[in-house]
N, C-alpha and C. Protein backbone atom coordinates (compact mmCIF):
# COMPACT_ATOMS: atom_id res chain seq x y z
N UNK A 1 95.27 -77.20 -52.68
CA UNK A 1 94.68 -76.15 -51.79
C UNK A 1 94.84 -74.79 -52.37
N UNK A 2 96.08 -74.67 -53.03
CA UNK A 2 96.27 -73.33 -53.60
C UNK A 2 95.25 -73.02 -54.73
N UNK A 3 94.99 -73.95 -55.57
CA UNK A 3 94.04 -73.72 -56.63
C UNK A 3 92.60 -73.40 -55.96
N UNK A 4 92.17 -73.99 -55.08
CA UNK A 4 91.01 -73.71 -54.37
C UNK A 4 90.97 -72.28 -53.93
N UNK A 5 92.01 -71.83 -53.28
CA UNK A 5 92.00 -70.45 -52.80
C UNK A 5 91.90 -69.48 -54.03
N UNK A 6 92.66 -69.77 -55.16
CA UNK A 6 92.69 -68.98 -56.41
C UNK A 6 91.31 -68.83 -56.97
N UNK A 7 90.63 -69.90 -57.08
CA UNK A 7 89.23 -69.98 -57.54
C UNK A 7 88.31 -69.18 -56.79
N UNK A 8 88.39 -69.38 -55.33
CA UNK A 8 87.60 -68.52 -54.48
C UNK A 8 87.90 -67.00 -54.65
N UNK A 9 89.12 -66.74 -54.70
CA UNK A 9 89.52 -65.22 -54.98
C UNK A 9 88.96 -64.76 -56.28
N UNK A 10 89.03 -65.49 -57.43
CA UNK A 10 88.40 -65.06 -58.61
C UNK A 10 86.87 -64.91 -58.50
N UNK A 11 86.18 -65.81 -57.83
CA UNK A 11 84.81 -65.71 -57.67
C UNK A 11 84.48 -64.56 -56.86
N UNK A 12 85.20 -64.20 -55.85
CA UNK A 12 84.97 -63.09 -54.98
C UNK A 12 85.15 -61.79 -55.81
N UNK A 13 86.16 -61.66 -56.62
CA UNK A 13 86.30 -60.53 -57.54
C UNK A 13 85.18 -60.40 -58.45
N UNK A 14 84.57 -61.48 -59.05
CA UNK A 14 83.52 -61.39 -59.93
C UNK A 14 82.28 -61.02 -59.24
N UNK A 15 82.27 -61.40 -58.01
CA UNK A 15 80.97 -60.92 -57.17
C UNK A 15 81.13 -59.39 -56.91
N UNK A 16 82.30 -58.90 -56.66
CA UNK A 16 82.49 -57.50 -56.40
C UNK A 16 82.20 -56.56 -57.75
N UNK A 17 82.54 -57.17 -58.76
CA UNK A 17 82.45 -56.46 -60.12
C UNK A 17 80.89 -56.41 -60.27
N UNK A 18 80.15 -57.41 -60.11
CA UNK A 18 78.75 -57.51 -60.24
C UNK A 18 78.03 -56.44 -59.35
N UNK A 19 78.44 -56.47 -58.12
CA UNK A 19 77.86 -55.56 -57.13
C UNK A 19 78.11 -54.15 -57.66
N UNK A 20 79.23 -53.84 -58.04
CA UNK A 20 79.53 -52.51 -58.61
C UNK A 20 78.70 -52.13 -59.75
N UNK A 21 78.47 -53.10 -60.68
CA UNK A 21 77.67 -52.91 -61.84
C UNK A 21 76.26 -52.59 -61.40
N UNK A 22 75.81 -53.39 -60.44
CA UNK A 22 74.38 -53.22 -60.00
C UNK A 22 74.19 -51.88 -59.29
N UNK A 23 75.18 -51.38 -58.60
CA UNK A 23 75.01 -50.15 -57.86
C UNK A 23 74.98 -48.97 -58.89
N UNK A 24 75.93 -49.08 -59.93
CA UNK A 24 75.94 -48.12 -60.92
C UNK A 24 74.69 -48.13 -61.67
N UNK A 25 74.07 -49.23 -61.95
CA UNK A 25 72.86 -49.13 -62.68
C UNK A 25 71.75 -48.59 -61.84
N UNK A 26 71.65 -48.97 -60.62
CA UNK A 26 70.68 -48.45 -59.68
C UNK A 26 70.79 -46.95 -59.58
N UNK A 27 72.04 -46.43 -59.46
CA UNK A 27 72.17 -45.00 -59.38
C UNK A 27 71.62 -44.22 -60.59
N UNK A 28 72.02 -44.91 -61.75
CA UNK A 28 71.51 -44.23 -63.05
C UNK A 28 70.01 -44.24 -63.01
N UNK A 29 69.27 -45.31 -62.51
CA UNK A 29 67.78 -45.36 -62.41
C UNK A 29 67.31 -44.30 -61.55
N UNK A 30 67.93 -44.07 -60.41
CA UNK A 30 67.57 -42.94 -59.40
C UNK A 30 67.71 -41.64 -60.12
N UNK A 31 68.69 -41.36 -60.81
CA UNK A 31 68.79 -39.99 -61.48
C UNK A 31 67.67 -39.92 -62.50
N UNK A 32 67.25 -40.95 -63.25
CA UNK A 32 66.34 -40.93 -64.32
C UNK A 32 64.97 -40.52 -63.43
N UNK A 33 64.69 -41.22 -62.48
CA UNK A 33 63.46 -41.10 -61.72
C UNK A 33 63.42 -39.63 -61.11
N UNK A 34 64.54 -39.17 -60.65
CA UNK A 34 64.50 -37.89 -60.07
C UNK A 34 64.31 -36.71 -61.18
N UNK A 35 64.82 -37.02 -62.35
CA UNK A 35 64.65 -36.00 -63.38
C UNK A 35 63.20 -36.12 -63.79
N UNK A 36 62.66 -37.16 -63.96
CA UNK A 36 61.25 -37.45 -64.26
C UNK A 36 60.40 -36.70 -63.25
N UNK A 37 60.56 -36.71 -61.93
CA UNK A 37 59.90 -36.19 -60.85
C UNK A 37 60.03 -34.71 -61.12
N UNK A 38 61.14 -34.27 -61.39
CA UNK A 38 61.41 -32.86 -61.56
C UNK A 38 60.55 -32.23 -62.64
N UNK A 39 60.42 -32.84 -63.61
CA UNK A 39 59.66 -32.54 -64.90
C UNK A 39 58.24 -32.66 -64.56
N UNK A 40 57.69 -33.66 -63.91
CA UNK A 40 56.31 -33.85 -63.44
C UNK A 40 55.94 -32.78 -62.55
N UNK A 41 56.77 -32.28 -61.60
CA UNK A 41 56.46 -31.14 -60.68
C UNK A 41 56.27 -29.84 -61.38
N UNK A 42 57.14 -29.62 -62.41
CA UNK A 42 57.01 -28.50 -63.28
C UNK A 42 55.67 -28.42 -64.05
N UNK A 43 55.36 -29.53 -64.62
CA UNK A 43 54.17 -29.70 -65.44
C UNK A 43 52.97 -29.60 -64.49
N UNK A 44 52.91 -30.22 -63.31
CA UNK A 44 51.79 -30.25 -62.48
C UNK A 44 51.22 -28.82 -62.21
N UNK A 45 52.15 -27.85 -62.07
CA UNK A 45 51.74 -26.44 -61.61
C UNK A 45 51.31 -25.73 -62.78
N UNK A 46 51.43 -26.25 -64.10
CA UNK A 46 51.12 -25.45 -65.30
C UNK A 46 49.53 -25.77 -65.57
N UNK A 47 48.89 -24.73 -66.20
CA UNK A 47 47.52 -25.02 -66.60
C UNK A 47 47.57 -25.68 -68.03
N UNK A 48 46.42 -26.27 -68.32
CA UNK A 48 46.32 -27.05 -69.52
C UNK A 48 46.36 -26.01 -70.75
N UNK A 49 45.89 -24.69 -70.48
CA UNK A 49 45.94 -23.80 -71.50
C UNK A 49 47.33 -23.45 -71.98
N UNK A 50 48.22 -23.40 -70.95
CA UNK A 50 49.63 -23.43 -71.32
C UNK A 50 50.27 -24.46 -72.17
N UNK A 51 49.72 -25.70 -71.92
CA UNK A 51 50.24 -26.89 -72.49
C UNK A 51 49.45 -27.41 -73.75
N UNK A 52 48.43 -26.85 -74.04
CA UNK A 52 47.49 -27.41 -75.06
C UNK A 52 48.21 -27.70 -76.41
N UNK A 53 49.15 -26.79 -76.78
CA UNK A 53 49.82 -26.98 -78.19
C UNK A 53 50.92 -27.92 -78.11
N UNK A 54 51.30 -28.43 -76.90
CA UNK A 54 52.38 -29.42 -76.72
C UNK A 54 51.81 -30.82 -76.52
N UNK A 55 50.48 -30.98 -76.23
CA UNK A 55 49.83 -32.26 -76.00
C UNK A 55 49.63 -33.04 -77.23
N UNK A 56 50.00 -34.23 -77.17
CA UNK A 56 49.90 -35.20 -78.35
C UNK A 56 48.80 -36.28 -78.09
N UNK A 57 47.82 -36.13 -78.84
CA UNK A 57 46.66 -37.14 -78.74
C UNK A 57 46.91 -38.26 -79.61
N UNK A 58 46.58 -39.44 -79.12
CA UNK A 58 46.71 -40.74 -79.94
C UNK A 58 45.74 -40.59 -81.20
N UNK A 59 45.98 -41.42 -82.20
CA UNK A 59 45.05 -41.37 -83.40
C UNK A 59 43.64 -41.90 -82.88
N UNK A 60 42.63 -41.13 -83.36
CA UNK A 60 41.21 -41.49 -83.21
C UNK A 60 40.64 -41.08 -81.73
N UNK A 61 41.43 -40.34 -81.14
CA UNK A 61 41.13 -39.80 -79.77
C UNK A 61 41.20 -38.31 -79.92
N UNK A 62 40.12 -37.67 -79.75
CA UNK A 62 40.16 -36.17 -79.86
C UNK A 62 39.72 -35.43 -78.62
N UNK A 63 39.60 -36.09 -77.49
CA UNK A 63 39.22 -35.45 -76.25
C UNK A 63 40.25 -35.74 -75.13
N UNK A 64 40.34 -34.69 -74.35
CA UNK A 64 41.18 -34.85 -73.12
C UNK A 64 40.23 -35.07 -71.92
N UNK A 65 40.57 -35.97 -71.09
CA UNK A 65 39.68 -36.35 -69.98
C UNK A 65 40.26 -35.65 -68.67
N UNK A 66 39.45 -34.95 -68.00
CA UNK A 66 39.89 -34.29 -66.78
C UNK A 66 39.11 -34.84 -65.56
N UNK A 67 39.86 -34.94 -64.53
CA UNK A 67 39.10 -35.21 -63.21
C UNK A 67 39.63 -34.43 -62.07
N UNK A 68 38.92 -33.75 -61.42
CA UNK A 68 39.31 -32.89 -60.18
C UNK A 68 38.37 -33.07 -59.10
N UNK A 69 38.88 -33.22 -57.78
CA UNK A 69 38.11 -33.44 -56.69
C UNK A 69 38.76 -32.66 -55.51
N UNK A 70 37.89 -31.94 -54.73
CA UNK A 70 38.30 -31.30 -53.52
C UNK A 70 37.34 -31.81 -52.35
N UNK A 71 37.33 -31.09 -51.37
CA UNK A 71 36.38 -31.50 -50.23
C UNK A 71 34.92 -31.30 -50.56
N UNK A 72 34.64 -30.44 -51.49
CA UNK A 72 33.25 -30.21 -51.71
C UNK A 72 32.71 -30.50 -53.01
N UNK A 73 33.55 -30.67 -54.12
CA UNK A 73 32.99 -30.92 -55.40
C UNK A 73 33.84 -32.03 -56.15
N UNK A 74 33.31 -32.82 -57.10
CA UNK A 74 33.92 -33.56 -57.98
C UNK A 74 33.52 -33.14 -59.43
N UNK A 75 34.61 -33.01 -60.18
CA UNK A 75 34.53 -32.44 -61.63
C UNK A 75 34.98 -33.43 -62.63
N UNK A 76 34.28 -33.77 -63.57
CA UNK A 76 34.79 -34.66 -64.75
C UNK A 76 34.52 -34.03 -65.91
N UNK A 77 35.50 -33.75 -66.81
CA UNK A 77 35.31 -33.05 -68.13
C UNK A 77 35.93 -33.80 -69.29
N UNK A 78 35.30 -33.63 -70.32
CA UNK A 78 35.83 -34.27 -71.63
C UNK A 78 36.00 -32.99 -72.58
N UNK A 79 37.15 -32.69 -72.85
CA UNK A 79 37.57 -31.52 -73.55
C UNK A 79 37.78 -31.97 -75.19
N UNK A 80 36.86 -31.55 -76.00
CA UNK A 80 36.91 -31.77 -77.43
C UNK A 80 37.92 -30.75 -78.02
N UNK A 81 39.05 -31.22 -78.24
CA UNK A 81 40.19 -30.32 -78.69
C UNK A 81 39.91 -29.68 -80.16
N UNK A 82 39.30 -30.44 -81.00
CA UNK A 82 38.95 -30.01 -82.27
C UNK A 82 37.88 -28.87 -82.24
N UNK A 83 36.88 -28.98 -81.47
CA UNK A 83 35.77 -28.00 -81.35
C UNK A 83 36.02 -26.89 -80.25
N UNK A 84 37.07 -26.96 -79.54
CA UNK A 84 37.35 -26.13 -78.40
C UNK A 84 36.09 -26.02 -77.50
N UNK A 85 35.64 -27.20 -77.06
CA UNK A 85 34.52 -27.24 -76.16
C UNK A 85 34.73 -28.25 -75.00
N UNK A 86 34.29 -28.06 -73.90
CA UNK A 86 34.49 -28.82 -72.69
C UNK A 86 33.09 -29.33 -72.33
N UNK A 87 32.85 -30.66 -72.32
CA UNK A 87 31.61 -31.21 -71.75
C UNK A 87 32.03 -31.66 -70.23
N UNK A 88 31.10 -31.17 -69.24
CA UNK A 88 31.53 -31.48 -67.93
C UNK A 88 30.38 -31.82 -67.12
N UNK A 89 30.64 -32.59 -66.02
CA UNK A 89 29.71 -32.92 -65.02
C UNK A 89 30.26 -32.65 -63.68
N UNK A 90 29.42 -32.15 -62.82
CA UNK A 90 29.84 -31.75 -61.45
C UNK A 90 28.97 -32.22 -60.39
N UNK A 91 29.52 -32.69 -59.29
CA UNK A 91 28.73 -33.20 -58.24
C UNK A 91 29.18 -32.56 -56.96
N UNK A 92 28.30 -32.08 -56.16
CA UNK A 92 28.54 -31.52 -54.79
C UNK A 92 28.57 -32.76 -53.76
N UNK A 93 29.61 -32.77 -52.88
CA UNK A 93 29.77 -33.75 -51.86
C UNK A 93 28.93 -33.31 -50.67
N UNK A 94 28.31 -34.18 -50.10
CA UNK A 94 27.42 -33.84 -48.96
C UNK A 94 28.28 -33.83 -47.71
N UNK A 95 28.24 -32.75 -46.92
CA UNK A 95 29.07 -32.65 -45.78
C UNK A 95 29.01 -33.67 -44.70
N UNK A 96 27.66 -34.21 -44.54
CA UNK A 96 27.33 -35.07 -43.49
C UNK A 96 27.61 -36.47 -43.96
N UNK A 97 27.45 -36.81 -45.26
CA UNK A 97 27.62 -38.16 -45.69
C UNK A 97 28.55 -38.03 -46.93
N UNK A 98 29.83 -38.26 -46.83
CA UNK A 98 30.80 -38.20 -47.92
C UNK A 98 30.63 -38.98 -49.05
N UNK A 99 29.76 -40.04 -49.04
CA UNK A 99 29.50 -40.96 -49.99
C UNK A 99 28.41 -40.49 -50.90
N UNK A 100 27.60 -39.50 -50.43
CA UNK A 100 26.46 -39.05 -51.13
C UNK A 100 26.76 -37.90 -51.94
N UNK A 101 26.48 -37.81 -53.20
CA UNK A 101 26.75 -36.71 -54.09
C UNK A 101 25.47 -36.21 -54.61
N UNK A 102 25.37 -34.86 -54.91
CA UNK A 102 24.35 -34.37 -55.50
C UNK A 102 24.72 -33.75 -56.84
N UNK A 103 24.15 -34.15 -57.96
CA UNK A 103 24.42 -33.74 -59.17
C UNK A 103 24.06 -32.45 -59.56
N UNK A 104 24.93 -31.58 -59.72
CA UNK A 104 24.67 -30.10 -59.97
C UNK A 104 23.86 -30.01 -61.35
N UNK A 105 24.40 -30.67 -62.30
CA UNK A 105 23.91 -30.63 -63.59
C UNK A 105 22.99 -31.95 -63.96
N UNK A 106 22.38 -32.49 -62.99
CA UNK A 106 21.37 -33.62 -63.05
C UNK A 106 21.97 -34.74 -63.99
N UNK A 107 23.26 -34.94 -63.75
CA UNK A 107 24.02 -36.16 -64.37
C UNK A 107 23.84 -35.99 -65.99
N UNK A 108 23.92 -34.86 -66.43
CA UNK A 108 24.01 -34.50 -67.83
C UNK A 108 25.35 -33.57 -67.95
N UNK A 109 25.80 -33.69 -69.40
CA UNK A 109 26.99 -32.85 -69.50
C UNK A 109 26.48 -31.40 -69.80
N UNK A 110 27.16 -30.34 -69.20
CA UNK A 110 27.07 -29.07 -69.57
C UNK A 110 28.24 -28.65 -70.54
N UNK A 111 28.01 -27.82 -71.44
CA UNK A 111 28.96 -27.43 -72.36
C UNK A 111 29.40 -26.05 -72.14
N UNK A 112 30.85 -26.01 -72.11
CA UNK A 112 31.52 -24.70 -71.81
C UNK A 112 32.55 -24.30 -72.92
N UNK A 113 32.89 -23.25 -73.11
CA UNK A 113 33.91 -22.91 -73.96
C UNK A 113 35.28 -23.28 -73.31
N UNK A 114 36.16 -23.89 -74.19
CA UNK A 114 37.31 -24.63 -73.54
C UNK A 114 38.35 -23.66 -72.91
N UNK A 115 38.36 -22.44 -73.47
CA UNK A 115 39.41 -21.52 -72.90
C UNK A 115 39.12 -21.14 -71.41
N UNK A 116 37.78 -21.06 -71.19
CA UNK A 116 37.36 -20.81 -69.86
C UNK A 116 37.69 -21.91 -68.94
N UNK A 117 37.45 -23.18 -69.23
CA UNK A 117 37.78 -24.32 -68.34
C UNK A 117 39.39 -24.56 -68.33
N UNK A 118 40.00 -24.46 -69.41
CA UNK A 118 41.41 -24.83 -69.47
C UNK A 118 42.34 -24.01 -68.56
N UNK A 119 41.93 -22.68 -68.32
CA UNK A 119 42.64 -21.79 -67.43
C UNK A 119 42.73 -22.43 -65.96
N UNK A 120 41.55 -23.06 -65.64
CA UNK A 120 41.41 -23.40 -64.34
C UNK A 120 41.95 -24.91 -64.05
N UNK A 121 42.04 -25.66 -65.11
CA UNK A 121 42.45 -26.98 -65.11
C UNK A 121 44.08 -27.12 -65.02
N UNK A 122 44.65 -27.83 -64.16
CA UNK A 122 46.09 -28.07 -64.09
C UNK A 122 46.41 -29.35 -64.81
N UNK A 123 47.64 -29.50 -65.10
CA UNK A 123 48.10 -30.78 -65.71
C UNK A 123 47.84 -31.99 -64.97
N UNK A 124 47.93 -31.78 -63.63
CA UNK A 124 47.73 -33.03 -62.79
C UNK A 124 46.16 -33.45 -62.82
N UNK A 125 45.33 -32.64 -63.26
CA UNK A 125 43.98 -33.07 -63.44
C UNK A 125 43.75 -33.83 -64.73
N UNK A 126 44.67 -33.75 -65.65
CA UNK A 126 44.49 -34.53 -66.78
C UNK A 126 44.74 -36.06 -66.65
N UNK A 127 43.82 -36.87 -67.02
CA UNK A 127 43.86 -38.31 -66.89
C UNK A 127 44.30 -39.02 -68.10
N UNK A 128 43.67 -38.69 -69.18
CA UNK A 128 43.97 -39.56 -70.46
C UNK A 128 43.29 -38.91 -71.57
N UNK A 129 43.34 -39.66 -72.74
CA UNK A 129 42.69 -39.19 -74.00
C UNK A 129 41.47 -40.13 -74.12
N UNK A 130 40.51 -39.49 -74.50
CA UNK A 130 39.13 -40.19 -74.86
C UNK A 130 38.52 -39.88 -76.19
N UNK A 131 37.42 -40.48 -76.44
CA UNK A 131 36.74 -40.14 -77.81
C UNK A 131 35.28 -39.92 -77.38
N UNK A 132 34.52 -39.71 -78.42
CA UNK A 132 33.02 -39.52 -78.21
C UNK A 132 32.35 -40.79 -77.74
N UNK A 133 32.75 -41.89 -78.11
CA UNK A 133 32.21 -43.10 -77.62
C UNK A 133 32.31 -43.30 -76.22
N UNK A 134 33.48 -43.13 -75.61
CA UNK A 134 33.84 -43.17 -74.25
C UNK A 134 32.90 -42.15 -73.53
N UNK A 135 32.91 -40.86 -74.07
CA UNK A 135 32.05 -39.81 -73.27
C UNK A 135 30.62 -40.20 -73.26
N UNK A 136 30.15 -40.74 -74.43
CA UNK A 136 28.56 -41.27 -74.43
C UNK A 136 28.40 -42.35 -73.46
N UNK A 137 29.34 -43.32 -73.44
CA UNK A 137 29.28 -44.59 -72.49
C UNK A 137 29.23 -44.10 -71.10
N UNK A 138 30.09 -43.02 -70.72
CA UNK A 138 30.14 -42.48 -69.42
C UNK A 138 28.77 -41.84 -69.03
N UNK A 139 28.29 -41.05 -69.84
CA UNK A 139 27.03 -40.44 -69.63
C UNK A 139 25.88 -41.43 -69.39
N UNK A 140 25.91 -42.52 -70.25
CA UNK A 140 24.96 -43.62 -70.05
C UNK A 140 25.08 -44.33 -68.71
N UNK A 141 26.29 -44.69 -68.36
CA UNK A 141 26.57 -45.23 -67.02
C UNK A 141 26.13 -44.29 -65.79
N UNK A 142 26.45 -43.12 -65.88
CA UNK A 142 26.10 -42.12 -64.90
C UNK A 142 24.48 -42.01 -64.81
N UNK A 143 23.97 -41.96 -65.96
CA UNK A 143 22.42 -41.94 -65.91
C UNK A 143 21.82 -43.06 -65.18
N UNK A 144 22.37 -44.17 -65.22
CA UNK A 144 21.94 -45.21 -64.54
C UNK A 144 22.20 -45.14 -63.12
N UNK A 145 23.42 -44.51 -62.63
CA UNK A 145 23.72 -44.24 -61.31
C UNK A 145 22.74 -43.32 -60.57
N UNK A 146 22.34 -42.36 -61.49
CA UNK A 146 21.52 -41.19 -60.93
C UNK A 146 20.10 -41.34 -60.97
N UNK A 147 19.58 -42.55 -60.82
CA UNK A 147 18.13 -42.67 -60.86
C UNK A 147 17.47 -41.97 -59.73
N UNK A 148 18.19 -41.72 -58.69
CA UNK A 148 17.63 -40.90 -57.53
C UNK A 148 18.21 -39.60 -57.58
N UNK A 149 17.75 -38.78 -56.66
CA UNK A 149 18.41 -37.36 -56.58
C UNK A 149 19.88 -37.47 -56.08
N UNK A 150 20.13 -38.45 -55.30
CA UNK A 150 21.49 -38.51 -54.68
C UNK A 150 22.20 -39.66 -55.48
N UNK A 151 23.37 -39.33 -56.04
CA UNK A 151 24.24 -40.36 -56.62
C UNK A 151 25.36 -40.59 -55.68
N UNK A 152 25.73 -41.93 -55.69
CA UNK A 152 26.92 -42.28 -54.72
C UNK A 152 28.26 -42.03 -55.42
N UNK A 153 29.21 -41.87 -54.52
CA UNK A 153 30.64 -41.69 -55.12
C UNK A 153 31.12 -42.89 -55.84
N UNK A 154 30.88 -44.05 -55.11
CA UNK A 154 31.29 -45.28 -55.57
C UNK A 154 30.68 -45.67 -57.00
N UNK A 155 29.46 -45.22 -57.35
CA UNK A 155 28.86 -45.42 -58.61
C UNK A 155 29.62 -44.62 -59.69
N UNK A 156 30.01 -43.39 -59.42
CA UNK A 156 30.80 -42.58 -60.30
C UNK A 156 32.12 -43.20 -60.57
N UNK A 157 32.79 -43.57 -59.49
CA UNK A 157 34.03 -44.13 -59.60
C UNK A 157 34.17 -45.42 -60.49
N UNK A 158 33.00 -46.19 -60.28
CA UNK A 158 32.88 -47.56 -61.01
C UNK A 158 32.58 -47.18 -62.44
N UNK A 159 31.71 -46.23 -62.71
CA UNK A 159 31.41 -45.73 -64.08
C UNK A 159 32.70 -45.39 -64.83
N UNK A 160 33.53 -44.59 -64.12
CA UNK A 160 34.68 -43.93 -64.66
C UNK A 160 35.68 -45.06 -64.90
N UNK A 161 35.82 -46.03 -63.90
CA UNK A 161 37.01 -46.97 -64.09
C UNK A 161 36.73 -47.99 -65.05
N UNK A 162 35.43 -48.35 -65.45
CA UNK A 162 35.15 -49.30 -66.39
C UNK A 162 35.54 -48.79 -67.90
N UNK A 163 35.61 -47.49 -67.88
CA UNK A 163 35.93 -46.88 -69.29
C UNK A 163 37.51 -46.47 -69.27
N UNK A 164 38.07 -46.41 -68.09
CA UNK A 164 39.51 -46.04 -68.12
C UNK A 164 40.43 -46.92 -68.94
N UNK A 165 40.15 -48.24 -68.96
CA UNK A 165 40.99 -49.09 -69.68
C UNK A 165 40.95 -48.79 -71.17
N UNK A 166 39.85 -48.18 -71.65
CA UNK A 166 39.72 -47.79 -73.17
C UNK A 166 40.40 -46.59 -73.44
N UNK A 167 40.78 -45.80 -72.52
CA UNK A 167 41.38 -44.58 -72.72
C UNK A 167 42.95 -44.71 -73.09
N UNK A 168 43.48 -43.65 -73.65
CA UNK A 168 44.81 -43.84 -74.02
C UNK A 168 45.67 -42.78 -73.29
N UNK A 169 47.02 -42.98 -73.21
CA UNK A 169 47.78 -42.10 -72.42
C UNK A 169 48.12 -40.87 -73.41
N UNK A 170 48.23 -39.69 -72.71
CA UNK A 170 48.53 -38.46 -73.49
C UNK A 170 49.99 -38.23 -73.25
N UNK A 171 50.77 -37.72 -74.33
CA UNK A 171 52.13 -37.42 -74.20
C UNK A 171 52.31 -35.90 -74.41
N UNK A 172 53.41 -35.26 -73.84
CA UNK A 172 53.65 -33.94 -73.97
C UNK A 172 54.91 -33.91 -74.81
N UNK A 173 55.02 -33.12 -75.86
CA UNK A 173 56.11 -33.03 -76.69
C UNK A 173 55.97 -31.92 -77.69
N UNK A 174 57.20 -31.41 -78.24
CA UNK A 174 57.13 -30.44 -79.25
C UNK A 174 56.57 -30.90 -80.51
N UNK A 175 56.89 -32.19 -80.98
CA UNK A 175 56.57 -32.74 -82.16
C UNK A 175 55.71 -33.94 -81.95
N UNK A 176 54.45 -33.93 -82.37
CA UNK A 176 53.67 -35.05 -82.11
C UNK A 176 53.85 -35.99 -83.37
N UNK A 177 53.68 -37.35 -83.07
CA UNK A 177 53.96 -38.39 -84.12
C UNK A 177 52.44 -38.47 -84.71
N UNK A 178 52.46 -38.49 -86.03
CA UNK A 178 51.16 -38.61 -86.70
C UNK A 178 50.98 -40.06 -87.15
């Protein structure tokens, strides 16, 4: 009987040790997540113009992809970092029918100087890195959506999401890996 109690006691102690290790690990993860959230909140308030020198693009990707939406407009932009040019499309949301969009630039890209757009774009609007092929494919998909004067929000989302898996993550850092 005594051996049984000793074994139970050892198992109980092992269980307590494991619980402590788990709590310690969980607390470390919470601290990491909290630090990450703090950094993200700082970055979200900064404009792309302030961060452009710290952004690292993956190889063969030379465009930053932006998306911004409020109650009245949807903006999608492809920022060609090498040429300092932003290719953008903007749609106005119909007040009476939230699903109906009117293409301000007739579902074609308009070209803007990058400095002008980057001042207005926040880090939270930056989605990923893209390239010319992704930009061209997006325009092709959008032109199919916009056969009529009114483009649907679902068509734009679908066109964009089909290409999203081909885009790459953008990192922020002092030294970019080449």
